Amino acid sequence: MSLVTVRRRGWGRLDEHEQREEIKSGDMELFKQAISVIGSWHYMHGDVKIKIECDFSSFVEAYKINTESLSMVEAVHDFCIEQVKSALFPEFEFVVRVTSESGADLGRQQWYASYFVEQFLYDIFFVLNIARPGVCDFLGVRIDAGRGLVTELRLSADCFESGFRGFLTGSSLFAPRILPLSSVVYWYKKLNVGVRQRAESGVEKAIFSVLHICCGADVDVVWIIWAFHALEAIYGTKVGEGFTNLVERISTLLELDAQGKGILKKRLREMYDYRSSFVHGGYRVHHPMKNEVMDQRLNEDFSKLLDVSQFGFNLVVLSLQALVENGWYGLKIKEEMCGVLPDDFSV
């Protein structure tokens, strides 16, 4: 058995919504459910069977502390900057227990145990945010396996959070929604991705694409490439198949009406134009500095790019949520051919 410490500075949502208390109450309730719903997590790596255990009650406590600290800062206005930072972003620590059920000595291989903890955090990040978008942020999380072995995660929930904002305000037909945690966990465990580092199915490609976007530091046109990759993987579009096929398949799975289908077609076309311009050399690439002060045109560019990228991200998450709700692990597209009878001819 091995114990691996995970540290994170700050907890809870960074965005302040109008329904703040209601949202925080729902977030805490989700973490309380996680204590019993998620339970132990198992991985197989060759002949090695690993069990992961994490006490999610510490997540609930950290959320409480963060909420109380925020209220204190709002009530008192003469704190110095360091006091404000300490109150808003207290260090949160929890321990992950890694047990080998096949006799491997993890105590002498802490680096090996930390790999499973890192995999577990990626899995939990995805599961929790699919159930309740934006609830779990692992940006800057540090996995400390001892002996100087530290791994830092750059998993940001910003895109999930932005989608959740659209859900709360009702401003977007394509905003990710809330799903029962138990349904998401059951679906994900049945998918059985395990420790695979290369996607084997369309759904796995989509999940890995979502994680790649969440690992991105700033909005980038590459996010749109990842979103298209995920959508084409989920909906089984092949090389040479038209744009219309993707629109039709998404509309069917998401059960869109004529108006929704029209919006989808327009927004998806925006994404497609961005992808084509980037791949074929027409895109006006930004300098790596991305300095809006030096070139104010970037403000408008970033605003539009963020809007299009967020739509693509939402569409991928909604599609995955639809698969979870239906208990599906992929889509099978069938082409139907019908013969033409004499009565079908028009004179």
Protein backbone atom coordinates (compact mmCIF):
# COMPACT_ATOMS: atom_id res chain seq x y z
CA MET A 1 0.00 0.00 0.00
CA SER A 2 1.10 3.58 -0.69
CA LEU A 3 -0.27 6.95 0.41
CA VAL A 4 0.05 9.84 -2.05
CA THR A 5 -0.68 13.42 -1.01
CA VAL A 6 -2.53 15.78 -3.35
CA ARG A 7 -2.44 19.54 -2.79
CA ARG A 8 -4.50 22.30 -4.35
CA ARG A 9 -4.57 26.01 -3.48
CA GLY A 10 -8.17 27.16 -3.32
CA TRP A 11 -11.37 25.31 -4.06
CA GLY A 12 -14.82 26.01 -5.39
CA ARG A 13 -15.96 27.99 -8.41
CA LEU A 14 -14.16 31.18 -9.36
CA ASP A 15 -17.15 32.62 -11.21
CA GLU A 16 -19.75 34.36 -9.08
CA HIS A 17 -23.27 33.60 -10.28
CA GLU A 18 -26.48 35.28 -9.19
CA GLN A 19 -27.68 31.99 -7.65
CA ARG A 20 -24.43 31.68 -5.71
CA GLU A 21 -25.79 30.03 -2.56
CA GLU A 22 -27.94 27.60 -4.51
CA ILE A 23 -25.02 26.62 -6.74
CA LYS A 24 -22.61 26.10 -3.86
CA SER A 25 -25.19 24.03 -2.05
CA GLY A 26 -25.58 21.84 -5.14
CA ASP A 27 -21.82 21.50 -5.53
CA MET A 28 -21.37 20.39 -1.94
CA GLU A 29 -24.21 17.92 -2.30
CA LEU A 30 -22.45 16.40 -5.31
CA PHE A 31 -19.25 15.88 -3.31
CA LYS A 32 -21.27 14.29 -0.50
CA GLN A 33 -22.74 11.88 -3.07
CA ALA A 34 -19.24 11.15 -4.38
CA ILE A 35 -18.29 9.66 -1.01
CA SER A 36 -20.61 6.71 -1.58
CA VAL A 37 -21.21 6.76 -5.35
CA ILE A 38 -17.62 6.78 -6.60
CA GLY A 39 -16.20 4.45 -3.97
CA SER A 40 -12.97 2.61 -4.76
CA TRP A 41 -11.52 2.80 -8.27
CA HIS A 42 -9.66 -0.08 -9.93
CA TYR A 43 -7.00 -0.21 -12.62
CA MET A 44 -5.20 -3.05 -14.36
CA HIS A 45 -1.69 -2.52 -15.70
CA GLY A 46 -0.42 -5.76 -17.15
CA ASP A 47 -0.61 -8.24 -14.28
CA VAL A 48 -0.78 -5.51 -11.64
CA LYS A 49 -4.23 -4.78 -10.17
CA ILE A 50 -4.51 -1.45 -8.35
CA LYS A 51 -7.21 -0.13 -6.04
CA ILE A 52 -7.55 3.63 -5.53
CA GLU A 53 -9.40 5.07 -2.54
CA CYS A 54 -10.07 8.76 -1.93
CA ASP A 55 -12.03 10.34 0.93
CA PHE A 56 -14.27 12.92 -0.74
CA SER A 57 -15.40 14.26 2.62
CA SER A 58 -12.24 16.39 2.52
CA PHE A 59 -13.58 18.00 -0.68
CA VAL A 60 -16.75 18.98 1.18
CA GLU A 61 -14.75 20.45 4.06
CA ALA A 62 -12.52 22.41 1.69
CA TYR A 63 -15.58 23.81 -0.05
CA LYS A 64 -16.99 24.93 3.30
CA ILE A 65 -13.74 26.64 4.27
CA ASN A 66 -13.54 28.43 0.91
CA THR A 67 -17.15 29.61 1.22
CA GLU A 68 -16.63 30.89 4.76
CA SER A 69 -13.40 32.65 3.77
CA LEU A 70 -15.13 34.38 0.86
CA SER A 71 -17.90 35.62 3.16
CA MET A 72 -15.30 36.94 5.60
CA VAL A 73 -13.44 38.84 2.88
CA GLU A 74 -16.68 40.37 1.66
CA ALA A 75 -17.56 41.51 5.18
CA VAL A 76 -14.17 43.05 6.00
CA HIS A 77 -12.62 45.52 3.57
CA ASP A 78 -9.26 46.36 5.14
CA PHE A 79 -7.40 43.10 4.49
CA CYS A 80 -4.00 43.32 2.82
CA ILE A 81 -3.47 41.49 -0.47
CA GLU A 82 -1.71 38.53 1.18
CA GLN A 83 -4.56 38.08 3.66
CA VAL A 84 -7.10 38.15 0.83
CA LYS A 85 -5.13 35.54 -1.13
CA SER A 86 -4.80 33.35 1.94
CA ALA A 87 -8.53 33.62 2.67
CA LEU A 88 -9.74 33.04 -0.88
CA PHE A 89 -7.20 30.38 -1.81
CA PRO A 90 -6.37 28.33 1.28
CA GLU A 91 -4.28 25.24 0.64
CA PHE A 92 -6.43 22.16 0.34
CA GLU A 93 -4.86 18.75 0.90
CA PHE A 94 -6.16 15.21 0.67
CA VAL A 95 -4.61 11.76 0.63
CA VAL A 96 -5.14 9.08 -2.01
CA ARG A 97 -4.60 5.48 -0.91
CA VAL A 98 -3.06 3.22 -3.56
CA THR A 99 -3.19 -0.52 -2.89
CA SER A 100 -1.80 -3.32 -5.01
CA GLU A 101 -4.17 -6.28 -5.03
CA SER A 102 -1.66 -8.41 -6.93
CA GLY A 103 1.34 -8.29 -4.61
CA ALA A 104 3.37 -5.46 -6.18
CA ASP A 105 5.49 -3.52 -3.68
CA LEU A 106 4.32 0.08 -4.17
CA GLY A 107 6.14 1.33 -1.09
CA ARG A 108 9.47 1.17 -2.92
CA GLN A 109 8.01 2.48 -6.18
CA GLN A 110 6.28 5.72 -5.19
CA TRP A 111 6.72 7.07 -8.72
CA TYR A 112 4.68 4.10 -10.00
CA ALA A 113 1.89 4.70 -7.46
CA SER A 114 1.74 8.38 -8.43
CA TYR A 115 0.95 7.42 -12.04
CA PHE A 116 -2.27 5.76 -10.92
CA VAL A 117 -3.18 8.76 -8.76
CA GLU A 118 -2.67 11.06 -11.74
CA GLN A 119 -4.87 8.80 -13.90
CA PHE A 120 -7.50 8.75 -11.15
CA LEU A 121 -7.59 12.56 -10.95
CA TYR A 122 -8.10 12.83 -14.71
CA ASP A 123 -10.97 10.33 -14.48
CA ILE A 124 -12.58 12.09 -11.50
CA PHE A 125 -12.21 15.49 -13.16
CA PHE A 126 -14.08 14.22 -16.22
CA VAL A 127 -16.79 12.35 -14.33
CA LEU A 128 -17.60 15.16 -11.88
CA ASN A 129 -17.71 17.85 -14.59
CA ILE A 130 -19.90 15.78 -16.90
CA ALA A 131 -22.33 15.33 -13.98
CA ARG A 132 -22.20 19.00 -12.88
CA PRO A 133 -20.18 21.23 -15.24
CA GLY A 134 -17.52 23.37 -13.57
CA VAL A 135 -17.73 21.73 -10.14
CA CYS A 136 -14.19 20.32 -10.16
CA ASP A 137 -11.10 22.30 -11.10
CA PHE A 138 -7.64 20.71 -10.91
CA LEU A 139 -5.61 23.63 -12.23
CA GLY A 140 -2.34 23.68 -10.31
CA VAL A 141 -2.99 20.47 -8.38
CA ARG A 142 0.26 18.93 -7.13
CA ILE A 143 0.67 15.19 -6.67
CA ASP A 144 3.37 14.62 -4.04
CA ALA A 145 4.60 11.05 -3.93
CA GLY A 146 7.46 11.91 -1.56
CA ARG A 147 11.22 11.86 -2.16
CA GLY A 148 10.86 14.99 -4.32
CA LEU A 149 8.51 13.30 -6.80
CA VAL A 150 5.94 16.01 -7.60
CA THR A 151 3.60 16.15 -10.59
CA GLU A 152 1.51 19.23 -11.35
CA LEU A 153 -1.78 19.01 -13.24
CA ARG A 154 -3.02 21.81 -15.51
CA LEU A 155 -6.64 20.66 -15.71
CA SER A 156 -8.86 23.73 -15.86
CA ALA A 157 -12.66 23.58 -15.59
CA ASP A 158 -13.10 27.03 -17.20
CA CYS A 159 -14.79 25.68 -20.34
CA PHE A 160 -17.17 23.56 -18.24
CA GLU A 161 -17.84 26.61 -16.04
CA SER A 162 -18.61 28.83 -19.05
CA GLY A 163 -21.01 26.23 -20.39
CA PHE A 164 -22.67 25.97 -16.98
CA ARG A 165 -23.19 29.74 -16.98
CA GLY A 166 -25.19 29.39 -20.20
CA PHE A 167 -27.24 26.62 -18.60
CA LEU A 168 -28.05 28.74 -15.54
CA THR A 169 -29.11 31.80 -17.55
CA GLY A 170 -30.93 29.79 -20.19
CA SER A 171 -29.07 31.85 -22.80
CA SER A 172 -27.85 28.88 -24.82
CA LEU A 173 -29.72 25.97 -26.35
CA PHE A 174 -26.43 24.09 -26.44
CA ALA A 175 -25.30 24.54 -22.83
CA PRO A 176 -24.21 21.38 -20.94
CA ARG A 177 -26.73 20.33 -18.31
CA ILE A 178 -26.71 18.53 -14.96
CA LEU A 179 -26.78 14.71 -14.86
CA PRO A 180 -27.09 12.30 -11.92
CA LEU A 181 -23.59 11.48 -10.67
CA SER A 182 -24.50 7.81 -10.26
CA SER A 183 -25.42 7.56 -13.98
CA VAL A 184 -22.19 9.16 -15.11
CA VAL A 185 -20.02 6.99 -12.85
CA TYR A 186 -21.79 3.79 -13.94
CA TRP A 187 -21.44 4.75 -17.62
CA TYR A 188 -17.77 5.71 -17.32
CA LYS A 189 -16.78 2.58 -15.40
CA LYS A 190 -18.52 0.43 -18.01
CA LEU A 191 -16.56 2.25 -20.72
CA ASN A 192 -13.49 0.80 -19.00
CA VAL A 193 -10.83 3.15 -20.37
CA GLY A 194 -8.47 2.05 -17.62
CA VAL A 195 -4.89 3.26 -18.06
CA ARG A 196 -4.98 3.32 -21.88
CA GLN A 197 -3.00 6.26 -23.18
CA ARG A 198 -4.21 5.89 -26.76
CA ALA A 199 -7.89 6.10 -27.63
CA GLU A 200 -9.45 2.95 -29.04
CA SER A 201 -13.04 4.08 -29.71
CA GLY A 202 -14.85 7.19 -30.90
CA VAL A 203 -16.06 7.98 -27.39
CA GLU A 204 -12.54 7.66 -25.96
CA LYS A 205 -11.27 10.01 -28.68
CA ALA A 206 -13.90 12.54 -27.64
CA ILE A 207 -13.05 12.23 -23.93
CA PHE A 208 -9.33 12.66 -24.56
CA SER A 209 -10.07 15.65 -26.80
CA VAL A 210 -12.09 17.29 -24.01
CA LEU A 211 -9.18 16.76 -21.63
CA HIS A 212 -6.74 18.27 -24.13
CA ILE A 213 -8.88 21.42 -24.33
CA CYS A 214 -9.03 21.61 -20.54
CA CYS A 215 -5.22 21.38 -20.41
CA GLY A 216 -4.86 24.41 -22.69
CA ALA A 217 -3.69 27.56 -20.90
CA ASP A 218 -5.43 30.11 -23.16
CA VAL A 219 -8.06 29.99 -25.86
CA ASP A 220 -6.49 28.82 -29.11
CA VAL A 221 -7.75 27.90 -32.57
CA VAL A 222 -6.46 24.38 -31.83
CA TRP A 223 -9.42 24.02 -29.43
CA ILE A 224 -11.70 24.05 -32.48
CA ILE A 225 -9.60 21.33 -34.09
CA TRP A 226 -9.97 19.20 -30.95
CA ALA A 227 -13.74 19.85 -30.86
CA PHE A 228 -14.17 18.81 -34.50
CA HIS A 229 -12.05 15.72 -33.91
CA ALA A 230 -14.30 14.77 -30.99
CA LEU A 231 -17.54 15.38 -32.90
CA GLU A 232 -16.43 13.43 -35.95
CA ALA A 233 -15.28 10.59 -33.69
CA ILE A 234 -18.60 10.46 -31.80
CA TYR A 235 -20.80 10.70 -34.88
CA GLY A 236 -18.71 8.40 -37.08
CA THR A 237 -18.20 10.78 -40.00
CA LYS A 238 -15.68 9.46 -42.50
CA VAL A 239 -13.33 11.14 -44.92
CA GLY A 240 -15.35 12.53 -47.83
CA GLU A 241 -18.66 12.70 -45.97
CA GLY A 242 -20.30 16.09 -46.13
CA PHE A 243 -20.89 18.80 -43.57
CA THR A 244 -24.63 18.07 -43.84
CA ASN A 245 -24.19 14.52 -42.49
CA LEU A 246 -22.67 15.84 -39.25
CA VAL A 247 -25.48 18.37 -38.82
CA GLU A 248 -28.11 15.67 -39.35
CA ARG A 249 -26.54 13.23 -36.90
CA ILE A 250 -26.04 15.81 -34.15
CA SER A 251 -29.61 17.05 -34.62
CA THR A 252 -30.93 13.51 -34.28
CA LEU A 253 -28.99 12.61 -31.12
CA LEU A 254 -29.74 15.94 -29.41
CA GLU A 255 -33.37 15.85 -30.62
CA LEU A 256 -33.26 19.37 -32.04
CA ASP A 257 -36.30 21.04 -33.58
CA ALA A 258 -36.13 23.00 -36.84
CA GLN A 259 -35.01 26.18 -35.09
CA GLY A 260 -32.32 24.40 -33.09
CA LYS A 261 -31.10 22.65 -36.21
CA GLY A 262 -30.82 26.00 -37.98
CA ILE A 263 -28.73 27.45 -35.14
CA LEU A 264 -26.55 24.34 -35.10
CA LYS A 265 -25.92 24.57 -38.84
CA LYS A 266 -24.92 28.24 -38.61
CA ARG A 267 -22.60 27.83 -35.60
CA LEU A 268 -21.06 24.62 -36.90
CA ARG A 269 -20.31 26.40 -40.17
CA GLU A 270 -18.40 29.05 -38.18
CA MET A 271 -16.32 26.30 -36.59
CA TYR A 272 -15.75 24.66 -39.95
CA ASP A 273 -14.54 27.94 -41.49
CA TYR A 274 -12.06 28.43 -38.64
CA ARG A 275 -10.73 24.90 -39.05
CA SER A 276 -10.41 25.20 -42.81
CA SER A 277 -8.63 28.55 -42.63
CA PHE A 278 -6.16 27.18 -40.06
CA VAL A 279 -5.46 23.93 -41.92
CA HIS A 280 -5.21 25.51 -45.38
CA GLY A 281 -3.17 28.60 -44.48
CA GLY A 282 -5.84 31.29 -44.48
CA TYR A 283 -5.96 31.82 -40.71
CA ARG A 284 -4.29 34.97 -39.41
CA VAL A 285 -2.09 33.36 -36.79
CA HIS A 286 -1.41 35.33 -33.60
CA HIS A 287 2.07 36.03 -32.27
CA PRO A 288 2.95 33.72 -29.32
CA MET A 289 3.00 36.81 -27.06
CA LYS A 290 -0.77 37.28 -27.63
CA ASN A 291 -0.37 40.84 -26.33
CA GLU A 292 -3.58 42.89 -26.79
CA VAL A 293 -1.81 46.06 -25.65
CA MET A 294 0.65 45.80 -28.52
CA ASP A 295 -2.10 45.01 -31.03
CA GLN A 296 -5.66 45.82 -29.97
CA ARG A 297 -7.13 43.87 -32.89
CA LEU A 298 -6.50 40.75 -30.81
CA ASN A 299 -9.29 41.74 -28.40
CA GLU A 300 -11.93 41.20 -31.07
CA ASP A 301 -10.14 38.13 -32.41
CA PHE A 302 -9.99 36.47 -28.99
CA SER A 303 -13.61 37.33 -28.20
CA LYS A 304 -14.86 35.71 -31.41
CA LEU A 305 -12.51 32.74 -31.12
CA LEU A 306 -13.57 32.11 -27.53
CA ASP A 307 -17.25 32.21 -28.52
CA VAL A 308 -16.79 29.72 -31.37
CA SER A 309 -14.51 27.46 -29.32
CA GLN A 310 -16.92 27.43 -26.38
CA PHE A 311 -19.78 26.44 -28.67
CA GLY A 312 -17.72 23.53 -30.01
CA PHE A 313 -16.78 22.43 -26.49
CA ASN A 314 -20.42 22.62 -25.35
CA LEU A 315 -21.50 20.56 -28.34
CA VAL A 316 -19.02 17.81 -27.52
CA VAL A 317 -20.02 17.71 -23.84
CA LEU A 318 -23.73 17.70 -24.70
CA SER A 319 -23.17 14.81 -27.12
CA LEU A 320 -21.34 12.83 -24.44
CA GLN A 321 -24.09 13.62 -21.94
CA ALA A 322 -26.69 12.36 -24.44
CA LEU A 323 -24.76 9.08 -24.73
CA VAL A 324 -24.69 8.78 -20.93
CA GLU A 325 -28.43 9.39 -20.68
CA ASN A 326 -29.15 6.74 -23.31
CA GLY A 327 -26.65 4.29 -21.86
CA TRP A 328 -24.83 4.20 -25.21
CA TYR A 329 -21.10 3.80 -25.79
CA GLY A 330 -21.06 4.85 -29.41
CA LEU A 331 -23.30 5.38 -32.41
CA LYS A 332 -23.93 2.99 -35.28
CA ILE A 333 -24.96 4.80 -38.46
CA LYS A 334 -27.12 2.76 -40.84
CA GLU A 335 -27.75 3.72 -44.45
CA GLU A 336 -31.14 2.61 -45.82
CA MET A 337 -31.83 2.03 -49.49
CA CYS A 338 -35.37 1.81 -50.87
CA GLY A 339 -36.42 0.79 -54.38
CA VAL A 340 -38.46 3.15 -56.55
CA LEU A 341 -41.87 1.82 -57.59
CA PRO A 342 -43.76 2.81 -60.78
CA ASP A 343 -46.23 4.90 -58.77
CA ASP A 344 -43.33 7.02 -57.47
CA PHE A 345 -42.59 8.41 -60.93
CA SER A 346 -44.00 11.85 -61.63
CA VAL A 347 -45.16 12.60 -65.16
